[in-house]
Amino acid sequence: SEPIDWFRSVIKMCISLKASDVHFEVRQGKAQLRVRRDGLMRDVKTYDEDVVTQAMSAVYTLLAEERSRSEVAFNLHAAQSALIPLTIQQTRYGLRYQSHPAVDGYDLIFRILKTEVRANASQRLALKNLGFTPWQAKCLHDALSTANGGIFVAGITGSGKTTTLYAALKEINRPDINILTRSEEHTSELQSH
């Protein structure tokens, strides 16, 4: 459909801009497209509100995973969330969608998550390849080798929090231990032994 094609082209453009997040701030008939790149928000383009609303209604209703939707249909007057799978140029993405009402409008936010794992991703996601200093790597290895405890990872959007945790889990993933994780959003899957 035309609204979905429009949405796909906007997301493709944002991916080409190396955006980690896509934001539509809809106010007084206009929708400001902004992207987060390297932790900073940047204005990209302005669209008519009707174009964005029609596209989002179609995307939420037709593309969003049914089990992930907070509501059955798109509602710009309510806070909503969903996971929207999207393939662009043979690469699969999961868009983590959230919306909420705002003064004089509403906001739409899409976190871009690449869901396709390439053949060499397993090697890239090793802790030794993530750029830790020797001291940081030793501290992390020591924490991972204890029988109990926790590791706290913090940073700005796109800084590698999930990648670090995934690599750490890969490091300790053995048949003789059981790994249980809890996350608000599912972004990666670790293959068990």
C-alpha atoms as a PDB file:
ATOM      1  CA  SER A   1       0.000   0.000   0.000  1.00  0.00           C
ATOM      2  CA  GLU A   2       1.076   3.587  -0.522  1.00  0.00           C
ATOM      3  CA  PRO A   3       1.259   4.512   3.213  1.00  0.00           C
ATOM      4  CA  ILE A   4       3.375   1.429   3.981  1.00  0.00           C
ATOM      5  CA  ASP A   5       5.664   2.108   1.011  1.00  0.00           C
ATOM      6  CA  TRP A   6       6.087   5.687   2.250  1.00  0.00           C
ATOM      7  CA  PHE A   7       6.921   4.433   5.766  1.00  0.00           C
ATOM      8  CA  ARG A   8       9.406   1.892   4.409  1.00  0.00           C
ATOM      9  CA  SER A   9      11.152   4.621   2.364  1.00  0.00           C
ATOM     10  CA  VAL A  10      11.428   6.889   5.431  1.00  0.00           C
ATOM     11  CA  ILE A  11      12.922   4.092   7.547  1.00  0.00           C
ATOM     12  CA  LYS A  12      15.319   3.197   4.700  1.00  0.00           C
ATOM     13  CA  MET A  13      16.457   6.831   4.561  1.00  0.00           C
ATOM     14  CA  CYS A  14      16.954   6.904   8.339  1.00  0.00           C
ATOM     15  CA  ILE A  15      18.999   3.682   8.225  1.00  0.00           C
ATOM     16  CA  SER A  16      21.184   5.236   5.517  1.00  0.00           C
ATOM     17  CA  LEU A  17      21.716   8.177   7.909  1.00  0.00           C
ATOM     18  CA  LYS A  18      22.952   5.618  10.489  1.00  0.00           C
ATOM     19  CA  ALA A  19      20.124   6.459  12.878  1.00  0.00           C
ATOM     20  CA  SER A  20      19.538   4.328  15.962  1.00  0.00           C
ATOM     21  CA  ASP A  21      16.098   5.871  16.591  1.00  0.00           C
ATOM     22  CA  VAL A  22      13.455   7.542  14.430  1.00  0.00           C
ATOM     23  CA  HIS A  23      11.148  10.129  16.017  1.00  0.00           C
ATOM     24  CA  PHE A  24       8.051  11.834  14.646  1.00  0.00           C
ATOM     25  CA  GLU A  25       6.972  14.796  16.756  1.00  0.00           C
ATOM     26  CA  VAL A  26       3.459  15.605  15.523  1.00  0.00           C
ATOM     27  CA  ARG A  27       2.154  19.069  16.406  1.00  0.00           C
ATOM     28  CA  GLN A  28      -0.437  21.399  14.848  1.00  0.00           C
ATOM     29  CA  GLY A  29      -0.767  19.634  11.500  1.00  0.00           C
ATOM     30  CA  LYS A  30       2.955  18.982  10.954  1.00  0.00           C
ATOM     31  CA  ALA A  31       5.189  16.013  11.763  1.00  0.00           C
ATOM     32  CA  GLN A  32       8.853  16.747  12.407  1.00  0.00           C
ATOM     33  CA  LEU A  33      11.065  13.771  11.558  1.00  0.00           C
ATOM     34  CA  ARG A  34      14.089  13.570  13.833  1.00  0.00           C
ATOM     35  CA  VAL A  35      16.720  10.852  14.156  1.00  0.00           C
ATOM     36  CA  ARG A  36      19.151   9.904  16.890  1.00  0.00           C
ATOM     37  CA  ARG A  37      22.662   9.396  15.572  1.00  0.00           C
ATOM     38  CA  ASP A  38      25.707   9.009  17.803  1.00  0.00           C
ATOM     39  CA  GLY A  39      23.513   9.822  20.792  1.00  0.00           C
ATOM     40  CA  LEU A  40      22.363  13.207  19.437  1.00  0.00           C
ATOM     41  CA  MET A  41      18.988  14.162  17.999  1.00  0.00           C
ATOM     42  CA  ARG A  42      18.990  15.690  14.508  1.00  0.00           C
ATOM     43  CA  ASP A  43      16.135  17.257  12.516  1.00  0.00           C
ATOM     44  CA  VAL A  44      15.675  15.617   9.103  1.00  0.00           C
ATOM     45  CA  LYS A  45      12.430  16.660   7.427  1.00  0.00           C
ATOM     46  CA  THR A  46       8.876  17.880   8.027  1.00  0.00           C
ATOM     47  CA  TYR A  47       5.771  16.079   6.734  1.00  0.00           C
ATOM     48  CA  ASP A  48       2.047  16.762   6.882  1.00  0.00           C
ATOM     49  CA  GLU A  49       0.425  15.162   9.916  1.00  0.00           C
ATOM     50  CA  ASP A  50      -2.120  13.289   7.754  1.00  0.00           C
ATOM     51  CA  VAL A  51       0.630  11.470   5.824  1.00  0.00           C
ATOM     52  CA  VAL A  52       2.276  10.233   9.029  1.00  0.00           C
ATOM     53  CA  THR A  53      -1.019   9.303  10.712  1.00  0.00           C
ATOM     54  CA  GLN A  54      -2.251   7.301   7.684  1.00  0.00           C
ATOM     55  CA  ALA A  55       1.083   5.504   7.364  1.00  0.00           C
ATOM     56  CA  MET A  56       1.274   4.686  11.067  1.00  0.00           C
ATOM     57  CA  SER A  57      -2.287   3.411  11.118  1.00  0.00           C
ATOM     58  CA  ALA A  58      -1.498   1.046   8.223  1.00  0.00           C
ATOM     59  CA  VAL A  59       1.864  -0.037   9.655  1.00  0.00           C
ATOM     60  CA  TYR A  60       0.490  -0.694  13.144  1.00  0.00           C
ATOM     61  CA  THR A  61      -2.536  -2.588  11.843  1.00  0.00           C
ATOM     62  CA  LEU A  62      -0.891  -4.577   9.036  1.00  0.00           C
ATOM     63  CA  LEU A  63       2.786  -4.999   9.971  1.00  0.00           C
ATOM     64  CA  ALA A  64       3.092  -4.924  13.774  1.00  0.00           C
ATOM     65  CA  GLU A  65       3.364  -8.353  15.352  1.00  0.00           C
ATOM     66  CA  GLU A  66      -0.058  -9.114  16.755  1.00  0.00           C
ATOM     67  CA  ARG A  67       1.238 -10.474  20.080  1.00  0.00           C
ATOM     68  CA  SER A  68       3.421  -7.418  20.627  1.00  0.00           C
ATOM     69  CA  ARG A  69       0.684  -4.803  20.190  1.00  0.00           C
ATOM     70  CA  SER A  70      -0.510  -2.984  23.285  1.00  0.00           C
ATOM     71  CA  GLU A  71      -3.851  -2.340  21.549  1.00  0.00           C
ATOM     72  CA  VAL A  72      -5.693  -3.884  18.600  1.00  0.00           C
ATOM     73  CA  ALA A  73      -5.665  -0.767  16.404  1.00  0.00           C
ATOM     74  CA  PHE A  74      -3.562   2.382  16.094  1.00  0.00           C
ATOM     75  CA  ASN A  75      -4.769   5.094  18.459  1.00  0.00           C
ATOM     76  CA  LEU A  76      -2.943   8.423  18.437  1.00  0.00           C
ATOM     77  CA  HIS A  77      -4.647   9.422  21.698  1.00  0.00           C
ATOM     78  CA  ALA A  78      -3.178   6.536  23.719  1.00  0.00           C
ATOM     79  CA  ALA A  79       0.295   5.368  24.625  1.00  0.00           C
ATOM     80  CA  GLN A  80       1.065   2.290  22.532  1.00  0.00           C
ATOM     81  CA  SER A  81       3.913  -0.110  21.852  1.00  0.00           C
ATOM     82  CA  ALA A  82       4.625  -2.879  19.361  1.00  0.00           C
ATOM     83  CA  LEU A  83       7.378  -4.673  17.486  1.00  0.00           C
ATOM     84  CA  ILE A  84       7.297  -4.052  13.747  1.00  0.00           C
ATOM     85  CA  PRO A  85       9.327  -6.437  11.566  1.00  0.00           C
ATOM     86  CA  LEU A  86      10.597  -4.848   8.362  1.00  0.00           C
ATOM     87  CA  THR A  87      12.903  -6.018   5.574  1.00  0.00           C
ATOM     88  CA  ILE A  88      14.894  -3.374   3.731  1.00  0.00           C
ATOM     89  CA  GLN A  89      17.360  -4.334   0.997  1.00  0.00           C
ATOM     90  CA  GLN A  90      17.440  -7.995   2.107  1.00  0.00           C
ATOM     91  CA  THR A  91      18.230  -7.065   5.729  1.00  0.00           C
ATOM     92  CA  ARG A  92      15.707  -7.815   8.470  1.00  0.00           C
ATOM     93  CA  TYR A  93      14.998  -5.206  11.118  1.00  0.00           C
ATOM     94  CA  GLY A  94      12.760  -5.065  14.139  1.00  0.00           C
ATOM     95  CA  LEU A  95      11.384  -1.622  14.892  1.00  0.00           C
ATOM     96  CA  ARG A  96      10.567  -1.246  18.569  1.00  0.00           C
ATOM     97  CA  TYR A  97       7.669   1.189  18.408  1.00  0.00           C
ATOM     98  CA  GLN A  98       6.308   3.419  21.147  1.00  0.00           C
ATOM     99  CA  SER A  99       3.885   6.309  20.965  1.00  0.00           C
ATOM    100  CA  HIS A 100       2.409   8.688  23.474  1.00  0.00           C
ATOM    101  CA  PRO A 101       0.146  11.725  23.480  1.00  0.00           C
ATOM    102  CA  ALA A 102       1.828  15.108  23.886  1.00  0.00           C
ATOM    103  CA  VAL A 103       0.641  18.677  24.324  1.00  0.00           C
ATOM    104  CA  ASP A 104      -0.988  19.656  20.997  1.00  0.00           C
ATOM    105  CA  GLY A 105      -0.152  16.328  19.341  1.00  0.00           C
ATOM    106  CA  TYR A 106       1.645  13.040  19.817  1.00  0.00           C
ATOM    107  CA  ASP A 107       5.090  11.442  19.501  1.00  0.00           C
ATOM    108  CA  LEU A 108       6.063   8.272  17.626  1.00  0.00           C
ATOM    109  CA  ILE A 109       9.403   6.606  18.375  1.00  0.00           C
ATOM    110  CA  PHE A 110      11.004   3.699  16.531  1.00  0.00           C
ATOM    111  CA  ARG A 111      14.170   2.009  17.803  1.00  0.00           C
ATOM    112  CA  ILE A 112      15.924   0.369  14.858  1.00  0.00           C
ATOM    113  CA  LEU A 113      17.189  -3.124  15.720  1.00  0.00           C
ATOM    114  CA  LYS A 114      18.951  -5.250  13.148  1.00  0.00           C
ATOM    115  CA  THR A 115      17.563  -8.761  13.685  1.00  0.00           C
ATOM    116  CA  GLU A 116      19.577 -10.536  11.033  1.00  0.00           C
ATOM    117  CA  VAL A 117      22.789 -12.108  12.269  1.00  0.00           C
ATOM    118  CA  ARG A 118      25.527 -12.334   9.673  1.00  0.00           C
ATOM    119  CA  ALA A 119      27.949 -15.270   9.412  1.00  0.00           C
ATOM    120  CA  ASN A 120      30.869 -13.468  11.112  1.00  0.00           C
ATOM    121  CA  ALA A 121      28.737 -11.797  13.789  1.00  0.00           C
ATOM    122  CA  SER A 122      29.607 -14.543  16.258  1.00  0.00           C
ATOM    123  CA  GLN A 123      33.291 -13.619  16.063  1.00  0.00           C
ATOM    124  CA  ARG A 124      32.585  -9.860  16.186  1.00  0.00           C
ATOM    125  CA  LEU A 125      30.455 -10.302  19.312  1.00  0.00           C
ATOM    126  CA  ALA A 126      33.268 -11.817  21.359  1.00  0.00           C
ATOM    127  CA  LEU A 127      34.186  -9.730  24.411  1.00  0.00           C
ATOM    128  CA  LYS A 128      37.796  -9.464  23.218  1.00  0.00           C
ATOM    129  CA  ASN A 129      36.580  -7.639  20.079  1.00  0.00           C
ATOM    130  CA  LEU A 130      34.484  -4.965  21.800  1.00  0.00           C
ATOM    131  CA  GLY A 131      37.263  -2.486  22.563  1.00  0.00           C
ATOM    132  CA  PHE A 132      37.641  -2.890  26.332  1.00  0.00           C
ATOM    133  CA  THR A 133      40.926  -1.855  27.932  1.00  0.00           C
ATOM    134  CA  PRO A 134      42.870  -4.762  29.510  1.00  0.00           C
ATOM    135  CA  TRP A 135      41.786  -3.614  32.982  1.00  0.00           C
ATOM    136  CA  GLN A 136      38.100  -3.366  31.950  1.00  0.00           C
ATOM    137  CA  ALA A 137      38.272  -6.810  30.324  1.00  0.00           C
ATOM    138  CA  LYS A 138      39.806  -8.322  33.483  1.00  0.00           C
ATOM    139  CA  CYS A 139      37.106  -6.765  35.697  1.00  0.00           C
ATOM    140  CA  LEU A 140      34.376  -8.080  33.407  1.00  0.00           C
ATOM    141  CA  HIS A 141      35.894 -11.577  33.214  1.00  0.00           C
ATOM    142  CA  ASP A 142      36.237 -11.643  37.021  1.00  0.00           C
ATOM    143  CA  ALA A 143      32.578 -10.637  37.430  1.00  0.00           C
ATOM    144  CA  LEU A 144      31.462 -13.255  34.912  1.00  0.00           C
ATOM    145  CA  SER A 145      33.349 -16.040  36.672  1.00  0.00           C
ATOM    146  CA  THR A 146      31.634 -15.576  40.051  1.00  0.00           C
ATOM    147  CA  ALA A 147      28.814 -17.902  41.101  1.00  0.00           C
ATOM    148  CA  ASN A 148      26.415 -15.055  41.841  1.00  0.00           C
ATOM    149  CA  GLY A 149      26.060 -11.300  41.532  1.00  0.00           C
ATOM    150  CA  GLY A 150      25.181  -8.959  38.750  1.00  0.00           C
ATOM    151  CA  ILE A 151      26.637  -6.716  36.097  1.00  0.00           C
ATOM    152  CA  PHE A 152      25.255  -3.246  35.453  1.00  0.00           C
ATOM    153  CA  VAL A 153      25.681  -1.865  31.928  1.00  0.00           C
ATOM    154  CA  ALA A 154      24.684   1.727  31.164  1.00  0.00           C
ATOM    155  CA  GLY A 155      25.107   4.084  28.244  1.00  0.00           C
ATOM    156  CA  ILE A 156      23.374   6.222  25.660  1.00  0.00           C
ATOM    157  CA  THR A 157      21.232   4.790  22.878  1.00  0.00           C
ATOM    158  CA  GLY A 158      23.382   2.866  20.425  1.00  0.00           C
ATOM    159  CA  SER A 159      26.424   2.672  22.717  1.00  0.00           C
ATOM    160  CA  GLY A 160      26.548  -1.133  22.789  1.00  0.00           C
ATOM    161  CA  LYS A 161      24.779  -2.125  26.007  1.00  0.00           C
ATOM    162  CA  THR A 162      22.926  -5.047  24.439  1.00  0.00           C
ATOM    163  CA  THR A 163      25.985  -6.103  22.418  1.00  0.00           C
ATOM    164  CA  THR A 164      28.119  -6.138  25.585  1.00  0.00           C
ATOM    165  CA  LEU A 165      25.577  -8.186  27.536  1.00  0.00           C
ATOM    166  CA  TYR A 166      25.086 -10.609  24.639  1.00  0.00           C
ATOM    167  CA  ALA A 167      28.862 -11.094  24.325  1.00  0.00           C
ATOM    168  CA  ALA A 168      29.122 -11.633  28.095  1.00  0.00           C
ATOM    169  CA  LEU A 169      26.371 -14.263  27.993  1.00  0.00           C
ATOM    170  CA  LYS A 170      28.091 -15.981  25.069  1.00  0.00           C
ATOM    171  CA  GLU A 171      31.253 -16.100  27.163  1.00  0.00           C
ATOM    172  CA  ILE A 172      29.606 -18.072  29.983  1.00  0.00           C
ATOM    173  CA  ASN A 173      27.162 -20.132  27.896  1.00  0.00           C
ATOM    174  CA  ARG A 174      27.983 -23.781  28.695  1.00  0.00           C
ATOM    175  CA  PRO A 175      25.863 -26.909  29.031  1.00  0.00           C
ATOM    176  CA  ASP A 176      26.529 -27.172  32.784  1.00  0.00           C
ATOM    177  CA  ILE A 177      24.928 -23.836  33.678  1.00  0.00           C
ATOM    178  CA  ASN A 178      21.446 -22.406  33.226  1.00  0.00           C
ATOM    179  CA  ILE A 179      21.197 -18.824  31.997  1.00  0.00           C
ATOM    180  CA  LEU A 180      18.052 -16.844  32.713  1.00  0.00           C
ATOM    181  CA  THR A 181      17.713 -13.246  31.580  1.00  0.00           C
ATOM    182  CA  ARG A 182      15.016 -10.636  32.100  1.00  0.00           C
ATOM    183  CA  SER A 183      14.550  -7.732  29.747  1.00  0.00           C
ATOM    184  CA  GLU A 184      11.745  -5.323  29.075  1.00  0.00           C
ATOM    185  CA  GLU A 185      12.330  -5.704  25.341  1.00  0.00           C
ATOM    186  CA  HIS A 186      13.604  -8.824  23.573  1.00  0.00           C
ATOM    187  CA  THR A 187      16.347  -7.725  21.159  1.00  0.00           C
ATOM    188  CA  SER A 188      18.685 -10.728  20.788  1.00  0.00           C
ATOM    189  CA  GLU A 189      18.563 -14.481  21.100  1.00  0.00           C
ATOM    190  CA  LEU A 190      21.412 -16.592  22.467  1.00  0.00           C
ATOM    191  CA  GLN A 191      21.642 -20.148  21.148  1.00  0.00           C
ATOM    192  CA  SER A 192      22.018 -22.585  24.052  1.00  0.00           C
ATOM    193  CA  HIS A 193      24.373 -25.550  24.061  1.00  0.00           C
END
